[in-house]
Amino acid sequence: MDSYDEFAHNDARADAHRREMKDDTTLSEAVYDCLDAARYELDNLEVQQKLLAAASYGKLFIKDSNDDYGDNEFSVHGRFVETCRQLRVLNAIRSPDVGMPLTCQQFEGLTPSVVIQRLINRRQHLLAIRIAQYLQVPCEEALEHWAICKIETAPDSYDDKKLVDDIRVKLQAFPSFSYAKIANAAKKRSTNLATK
């Protein structure tokens, strides 16, 4: 962290601090410590970003870390990418609009699928869909729940054709999507809507 701070301020001592870490193991541990510290920083995004920048700076000097871009989550690069992905999701759900202040340990314990389900239950459909797509987990449940909520909350004066068009526009990107549960919910409003 000190070496990165000095590097950011164009101080020549940055290299001297980095060279004090004699081997890659020590430097790797320092990078992992920065990543862990960023994961546990809940309140201050500036500190979190600074820790991630220090980790990024440090991993540049680890031998073979530039060649290790595989899916190996135990590599320096893999751990850095995974940490950034988690923090991006956690910072999104910690926002006051969403109000799910989870720690990294809680997020890992719950699993992304459970967090997405909780967002769906809070009717945070767009965020649930975006997180699901970002983490590459299925988002059909969020889309289905959104469509059912759209039907249930539409005023009686809202045209059925317009309602169907609104839903189809959102779901057309998912060709294998099943409309069965949506049609079942639409049947409560009108048989004509359920058929469409």
C-alpha atoms as a PDB file:
ATOM      1  CA  MET A   1       0.000   0.000   0.000  1.00  0.00           C
ATOM      2  CA  ASP A   2       2.849   2.357   0.860  1.00  0.00           C
ATOM      3  CA  SER A   3       4.595   1.536  -2.391  1.00  0.00           C
ATOM      4  CA  TYR A   4       1.413   2.261  -4.360  1.00  0.00           C
ATOM      5  CA  ASP A   5       0.852   5.562  -2.509  1.00  0.00           C
ATOM      6  CA  GLU A   6       4.358   6.680  -3.370  1.00  0.00           C
ATOM      7  CA  PHE A   7       3.956   5.516  -6.965  1.00  0.00           C
ATOM      8  CA  ALA A   8       0.722   7.508  -7.249  1.00  0.00           C
ATOM      9  CA  HIS A   9       2.580  10.599  -6.042  1.00  0.00           C
ATOM     10  CA  ASN A  10       5.522  10.002  -8.437  1.00  0.00           C
ATOM     11  CA  ASP A  11       7.877   9.317  -5.546  1.00  0.00           C
ATOM     12  CA  ALA A  12      10.996   7.271  -6.350  1.00  0.00           C
ATOM     13  CA  ARG A  13      10.760   5.481  -2.992  1.00  0.00           C
ATOM     14  CA  ALA A  14       7.897   3.399  -4.404  1.00  0.00           C
ATOM     15  CA  ASP A  15      10.337   1.036  -6.055  1.00  0.00           C
ATOM     16  CA  ALA A  16      12.448   0.781  -2.915  1.00  0.00           C
ATOM     17  CA  HIS A  17       9.434  -0.275  -0.816  1.00  0.00           C
ATOM     18  CA  ARG A  18       8.440  -2.849  -3.382  1.00  0.00           C
ATOM     19  CA  ARG A  19      11.981  -4.291  -3.509  1.00  0.00           C
ATOM     20  CA  GLU A  20      11.943  -4.762   0.280  1.00  0.00           C
ATOM     21  CA  MET A  21       9.643  -7.699  -0.394  1.00  0.00           C
ATOM     22  CA  LYS A  22      12.339 -10.120  -1.446  1.00  0.00           C
ATOM     23  CA  ASP A  23      10.272 -12.878  -3.018  1.00  0.00           C
ATOM     24  CA  ASP A  24       7.022 -13.396  -4.866  1.00  0.00           C
ATOM     25  CA  THR A  25       5.452 -15.167  -1.899  1.00  0.00           C
ATOM     26  CA  THR A  26       5.722 -12.071   0.280  1.00  0.00           C
ATOM     27  CA  LEU A  27       4.450  -9.847  -2.513  1.00  0.00           C
ATOM     28  CA  SER A  28       1.583 -12.254  -3.222  1.00  0.00           C
ATOM     29  CA  GLU A  29       0.623 -12.214   0.441  1.00  0.00           C
ATOM     30  CA  ALA A  30       0.656  -8.404   0.390  1.00  0.00           C
ATOM     31  CA  VAL A  31      -1.632  -8.397  -2.675  1.00  0.00           C
ATOM     32  CA  TYR A  32      -3.983 -10.912  -1.034  1.00  0.00           C
ATOM     33  CA  ASP A  33      -4.012  -8.801   2.138  1.00  0.00           C
ATOM     34  CA  CYS A  34      -4.994  -5.720   0.124  1.00  0.00           C
ATOM     35  CA  LEU A  35      -7.765  -7.700  -1.573  1.00  0.00           C
ATOM     36  CA  ASP A  36      -9.032  -9.041   1.752  1.00  0.00           C
ATOM     37  CA  ALA A  37      -8.939  -5.575   3.310  1.00  0.00           C
ATOM     38  CA  ALA A  38     -10.944  -4.209   0.360  1.00  0.00           C
ATOM     39  CA  ARG A  39     -13.499  -7.004   0.794  1.00  0.00           C
ATOM     40  CA  TYR A  40     -14.021  -6.129   4.444  1.00  0.00           C
ATOM     41  CA  GLU A  41     -14.217  -2.373   3.909  1.00  0.00           C
ATOM     42  CA  LEU A  42     -17.949  -1.715   4.125  1.00  0.00           C
ATOM     43  CA  ASP A  43     -18.335   2.011   4.512  1.00  0.00           C
ATOM     44  CA  ASN A  44     -15.619   3.834   2.638  1.00  0.00           C
ATOM     45  CA  LEU A  45     -15.552   3.277  -1.119  1.00  0.00           C
ATOM     46  CA  GLU A  46     -12.456   5.467  -1.503  1.00  0.00           C
ATOM     47  CA  VAL A  47     -10.470   3.203   0.805  1.00  0.00           C
ATOM     48  CA  GLN A  48     -11.855   0.157  -0.992  1.00  0.00           C
ATOM     49  CA  GLN A  49     -10.762   1.561  -4.379  1.00  0.00           C
ATOM     50  CA  LYS A  50      -7.348   2.503  -3.032  1.00  0.00           C
ATOM     51  CA  LEU A  51      -6.819  -1.021  -1.693  1.00  0.00           C
ATOM     52  CA  LEU A  52      -7.846  -2.510  -5.037  1.00  0.00           C
ATOM     53  CA  ALA A  53      -5.483  -0.142  -6.852  1.00  0.00           C
ATOM     54  CA  ALA A  54      -2.643  -1.169  -4.526  1.00  0.00           C
ATOM     55  CA  ALA A  55      -3.418  -4.846  -5.175  1.00  0.00           C
ATOM     56  CA  SER A  56      -3.461  -4.212  -8.905  1.00  0.00           C
ATOM     57  CA  TYR A  57      -0.145  -2.400  -8.685  1.00  0.00           C
ATOM     58  CA  GLY A  58       1.417  -5.172  -6.607  1.00  0.00           C
ATOM     59  CA  LYS A  59       0.275  -8.016  -8.842  1.00  0.00           C
ATOM     60  CA  LEU A  60       2.145  -6.461 -11.758  1.00  0.00           C
ATOM     61  CA  PHE A  61       5.435  -7.405 -10.093  1.00  0.00           C
ATOM     62  CA  ILE A  62       4.588 -11.016  -9.307  1.00  0.00           C
ATOM     63  CA  LYS A  63       6.224 -13.419 -11.736  1.00  0.00           C
ATOM     64  CA  ASP A  64       3.808 -15.261 -13.993  1.00  0.00           C
ATOM     65  CA  SER A  65       0.771 -13.327 -12.697  1.00  0.00           C
ATOM     66  CA  ASN A  66       0.465 -11.661 -16.104  1.00  0.00           C
ATOM     67  CA  ASP A  67       0.411 -15.064 -17.809  1.00  0.00           C
ATOM     68  CA  ASP A  68      -2.169 -16.571 -15.467  1.00  0.00           C
ATOM     69  CA  TYR A  69      -5.450 -15.323 -16.942  1.00  0.00           C
ATOM     70  CA  GLY A  70      -7.207 -18.674 -16.658  1.00  0.00           C
ATOM     71  CA  ASP A  71     -10.199 -19.481 -14.511  1.00  0.00           C
ATOM     72  CA  ASN A  72      -7.979 -20.483 -11.620  1.00  0.00           C
ATOM     73  CA  GLU A  73      -9.539 -18.594  -8.719  1.00  0.00           C
ATOM     74  CA  PHE A  74      -6.445 -19.236  -6.600  1.00  0.00           C
ATOM     75  CA  SER A  75      -4.151 -17.299  -8.923  1.00  0.00           C
ATOM     76  CA  VAL A  76      -3.417 -13.687  -8.087  1.00  0.00           C
ATOM     77  CA  HIS A  77      -5.270 -12.515 -11.179  1.00  0.00           C
ATOM     78  CA  GLY A  78      -8.221 -14.834 -10.586  1.00  0.00           C
ATOM     79  CA  ARG A  79      -8.569 -13.708  -6.998  1.00  0.00           C
ATOM     80  CA  PHE A  80      -8.338 -10.049  -8.040  1.00  0.00           C
ATOM     81  CA  VAL A  81     -11.065 -10.445 -10.673  1.00  0.00           C
ATOM     82  CA  GLU A  82     -13.328 -12.393  -8.315  1.00  0.00           C
ATOM     83  CA  THR A  83     -12.883  -9.783  -5.570  1.00  0.00           C
ATOM     84  CA  CYS A  84     -13.758  -6.957  -7.970  1.00  0.00           C
ATOM     85  CA  ARG A  85     -16.861  -8.823  -9.161  1.00  0.00           C
ATOM     86  CA  GLN A  86     -18.042  -9.441  -5.611  1.00  0.00           C
ATOM     87  CA  LEU A  87     -17.436  -5.862  -4.546  1.00  0.00           C
ATOM     88  CA  ARG A  88     -19.299  -4.498  -7.531  1.00  0.00           C
ATOM     89  CA  VAL A  89     -22.341  -6.581  -6.616  1.00  0.00           C
ATOM     90  CA  LEU A  90     -22.064  -5.872  -2.883  1.00  0.00           C
ATOM     91  CA  ASN A  91     -21.739  -2.121  -3.405  1.00  0.00           C
ATOM     92  CA  ALA A  92     -24.837  -2.181  -5.630  1.00  0.00           C
ATOM     93  CA  ILE A  93     -26.978  -4.010  -3.065  1.00  0.00           C
ATOM     94  CA  ARG A  94     -25.617  -1.977  -0.141  1.00  0.00           C
ATOM     95  CA  SER A  95     -26.969   1.254  -1.636  1.00  0.00           C
ATOM     96  CA  PRO A  96     -29.686   2.949   0.431  1.00  0.00           C
ATOM     97  CA  ASP A  97     -32.237   2.332  -2.340  1.00  0.00           C
ATOM     98  CA  VAL A  98     -31.796  -1.429  -1.970  1.00  0.00           C
ATOM     99  CA  GLY A  99     -30.740  -1.712   1.671  1.00  0.00           C
ATOM    100  CA  MET A 100     -29.011  -5.099   1.821  1.00  0.00           C
ATOM    101  CA  PRO A 101     -25.790  -4.394   3.738  1.00  0.00           C
ATOM    102  CA  LEU A 102     -24.149  -7.792   3.329  1.00  0.00           C
ATOM    103  CA  THR A 103     -20.531  -8.602   4.065  1.00  0.00           C
ATOM    104  CA  CYS A 104     -18.472 -10.731   1.680  1.00  0.00           C
ATOM    105  CA  GLN A 105     -18.785 -13.696   4.028  1.00  0.00           C
ATOM    106  CA  GLN A 106     -22.562 -13.347   4.155  1.00  0.00           C
ATOM    107  CA  PHE A 107     -22.724 -13.028   0.361  1.00  0.00           C
ATOM    108  CA  GLU A 108     -20.628 -16.155  -0.114  1.00  0.00           C
ATOM    109  CA  GLY A 109     -22.677 -18.022   2.501  1.00  0.00           C
ATOM    110  CA  LEU A 110     -25.983 -17.083   0.944  1.00  0.00           C
ATOM    111  CA  THR A 111     -24.803 -17.649  -2.648  1.00  0.00           C
ATOM    112  CA  PRO A 112     -25.634 -15.288  -5.526  1.00  0.00           C
ATOM    113  CA  SER A 113     -28.855 -17.171  -6.322  1.00  0.00           C
ATOM    114  CA  VAL A 114     -30.272 -16.512  -2.851  1.00  0.00           C
ATOM    115  CA  VAL A 115     -29.264 -12.829  -3.001  1.00  0.00           C
ATOM    116  CA  ILE A 116     -30.991 -12.536  -6.382  1.00  0.00           C
ATOM    117  CA  GLN A 117     -34.098 -14.205  -4.931  1.00  0.00           C
ATOM    118  CA  ARG A 118     -34.095 -11.684  -2.076  1.00  0.00           C
ATOM    119  CA  LEU A 119     -33.869  -8.835  -4.582  1.00  0.00           C
ATOM    120  CA  ILE A 120     -36.827 -10.342  -6.457  1.00  0.00           C
ATOM    121  CA  ASN A 121     -38.817 -10.500  -3.198  1.00  0.00           C
ATOM    122  CA  ARG A 122     -38.057  -6.799  -2.664  1.00  0.00           C
ATOM    123  CA  ARG A 123     -39.265  -6.115  -6.217  1.00  0.00           C
ATOM    124  CA  GLN A 124     -35.833  -4.950  -7.284  1.00  0.00           C
ATOM    125  CA  HIS A 125     -36.268  -6.780 -10.585  1.00  0.00           C
ATOM    126  CA  LEU A 126     -33.929  -4.721 -12.762  1.00  0.00           C
ATOM    127  CA  LEU A 127     -31.078  -4.986 -10.279  1.00  0.00           C
ATOM    128  CA  ALA A 128     -31.724  -8.731  -9.837  1.00  0.00           C
ATOM    129  CA  ILE A 129     -31.607  -9.245 -13.606  1.00  0.00           C
ATOM    130  CA  ARG A 130     -28.443  -7.193 -14.030  1.00  0.00           C
ATOM    131  CA  ILE A 131     -26.653  -8.969 -11.188  1.00  0.00           C
ATOM    132  CA  ALA A 132     -27.735 -12.369 -12.519  1.00  0.00           C
ATOM    133  CA  GLN A 133     -26.419 -11.516 -15.967  1.00  0.00           C
ATOM    134  CA  TYR A 134     -23.199 -10.064 -14.521  1.00  0.00           C
ATOM    135  CA  LEU A 135     -22.561 -13.174 -12.415  1.00  0.00           C
ATOM    136  CA  GLN A 136     -23.720 -15.417 -15.262  1.00  0.00           C
ATOM    137  CA  VAL A 137     -26.508 -17.111 -13.339  1.00  0.00           C
ATOM    138  CA  PRO A 138     -30.040 -17.662 -14.723  1.00  0.00           C
ATOM    139  CA  CYS A 139     -32.292 -14.595 -14.524  1.00  0.00           C
ATOM    140  CA  GLU A 140     -35.552 -16.096 -15.794  1.00  0.00           C
ATOM    141  CA  GLU A 141     -37.117 -16.133 -12.335  1.00  0.00           C
ATOM    142  CA  ALA A 142     -36.612 -12.376 -11.977  1.00  0.00           C
ATOM    143  CA  LEU A 143     -38.119 -11.765 -15.413  1.00  0.00           C
ATOM    144  CA  GLU A 144     -41.068 -14.003 -14.643  1.00  0.00           C
ATOM    145  CA  HIS A 145     -41.722 -12.287 -11.307  1.00  0.00           C
ATOM    146  CA  TRP A 146     -41.449  -8.849 -12.958  1.00  0.00           C
ATOM    147  CA  ALA A 147     -44.015  -9.799 -15.613  1.00  0.00           C
ATOM    148  CA  ILE A 148     -46.441 -11.171 -13.017  1.00  0.00           C
ATOM    149  CA  CYS A 149     -46.068  -8.015 -10.903  1.00  0.00           C
ATOM    150  CA  LYS A 150     -46.619  -5.897 -14.027  1.00  0.00           C
ATOM    151  CA  ILE A 151     -49.887  -7.711 -14.694  1.00  0.00           C
ATOM    152  CA  GLU A 152     -51.060  -7.636 -11.069  1.00  0.00           C
ATOM    153  CA  THR A 153     -50.320  -3.939 -10.551  1.00  0.00           C
ATOM    154  CA  ALA A 154     -51.608  -2.663 -13.909  1.00  0.00           C
ATOM    155  CA  PRO A 155     -54.750  -0.577 -13.495  1.00  0.00           C
ATOM    156  CA  ASP A 156     -57.971  -1.973 -14.995  1.00  0.00           C
ATOM    157  CA  SER A 157     -57.960   0.883 -17.503  1.00  0.00           C
ATOM    158  CA  TYR A 158     -54.593  -0.267 -18.901  1.00  0.00           C
ATOM    159  CA  ASP A 159     -55.055  -1.851 -22.323  1.00  0.00           C
ATOM    160  CA  ASP A 160     -54.353  -5.604 -22.448  1.00  0.00           C
ATOM    161  CA  LYS A 161     -52.595  -5.311 -25.815  1.00  0.00           C
ATOM    162  CA  LYS A 162     -50.275  -2.617 -24.433  1.00  0.00           C
ATOM    163  CA  LEU A 163     -49.561  -4.805 -21.386  1.00  0.00           C
ATOM    164  CA  VAL A 164     -48.699  -7.793 -23.597  1.00  0.00           C
ATOM    165  CA  ASP A 165     -46.459  -5.608 -25.777  1.00  0.00           C
ATOM    166  CA  ASP A 166     -44.628  -4.252 -22.708  1.00  0.00           C
ATOM    167  CA  ILE A 167     -43.950  -7.768 -21.459  1.00  0.00           C
ATOM    168  CA  ARG A 168     -42.931  -9.155 -24.857  1.00  0.00           C
ATOM    169  CA  VAL A 169     -40.444  -6.337 -25.439  1.00  0.00           C
ATOM    170  CA  LYS A 170     -38.645  -7.197 -22.203  1.00  0.00           C
ATOM    171  CA  LEU A 171     -38.735 -10.954 -22.720  1.00  0.00           C
ATOM    172  CA  GLN A 172     -37.896 -11.171 -26.423  1.00  0.00           C
ATOM    173  CA  ALA A 173     -34.164 -11.447 -25.634  1.00  0.00           C
ATOM    174  CA  PHE A 174     -34.915 -14.786 -23.937  1.00  0.00           C
ATOM    175  CA  PRO A 175     -36.332 -17.045 -26.680  1.00  0.00           C
ATOM    176  CA  SER A 176     -36.565 -20.186 -24.526  1.00  0.00           C
ATOM    177  CA  PHE A 177     -38.471 -18.377 -21.786  1.00  0.00           C
ATOM    178  CA  SER A 178     -41.653 -20.116 -20.590  1.00  0.00           C
ATOM    179  CA  TYR A 179     -44.757 -17.939 -20.359  1.00  0.00           C
ATOM    180  CA  ALA A 180     -46.837 -20.527 -18.454  1.00  0.00           C
ATOM    181  CA  LYS A 181     -46.753 -18.905 -14.997  1.00  0.00           C
ATOM    182  CA  ILE A 182     -47.250 -15.458 -16.505  1.00  0.00           C
ATOM    183  CA  ALA A 183     -50.303 -16.690 -18.440  1.00  0.00           C
ATOM    184  CA  ASN A 184     -51.657 -18.273 -15.262  1.00  0.00           C
ATOM    185  CA  ALA A 185     -51.314 -14.933 -13.439  1.00  0.00           C
ATOM    186  CA  ALA A 186     -52.848 -13.104 -16.424  1.00  0.00           C
ATOM    187  CA  LYS A 187     -55.880 -15.421 -16.293  1.00  0.00           C
ATOM    188  CA  LYS A 188     -56.914 -13.718 -13.040  1.00  0.00           C
ATOM    189  CA  ARG A 189     -57.157 -10.425 -14.922  1.00  0.00           C
ATOM    190  CA  SER A 190     -58.773 -11.750 -18.111  1.00  0.00           C
ATOM    191  CA  THR A 191     -58.825 -14.889 -20.232  1.00  0.00           C
ATOM    192  CA  ASN A 192     -58.051 -12.792 -23.297  1.00  0.00           C
ATOM    193  CA  LEU A 193     -54.854 -11.468 -21.689  1.00  0.00           C
ATOM    194  CA  ALA A 194     -53.795 -14.978 -20.669  1.00  0.00           C
ATOM    195  CA  THR A 195     -54.256 -16.190 -24.243  1.00  0.00           C
ATOM    196  CA  LYS A 196     -52.143 -13.352 -25.653  1.00  0.00           C
END
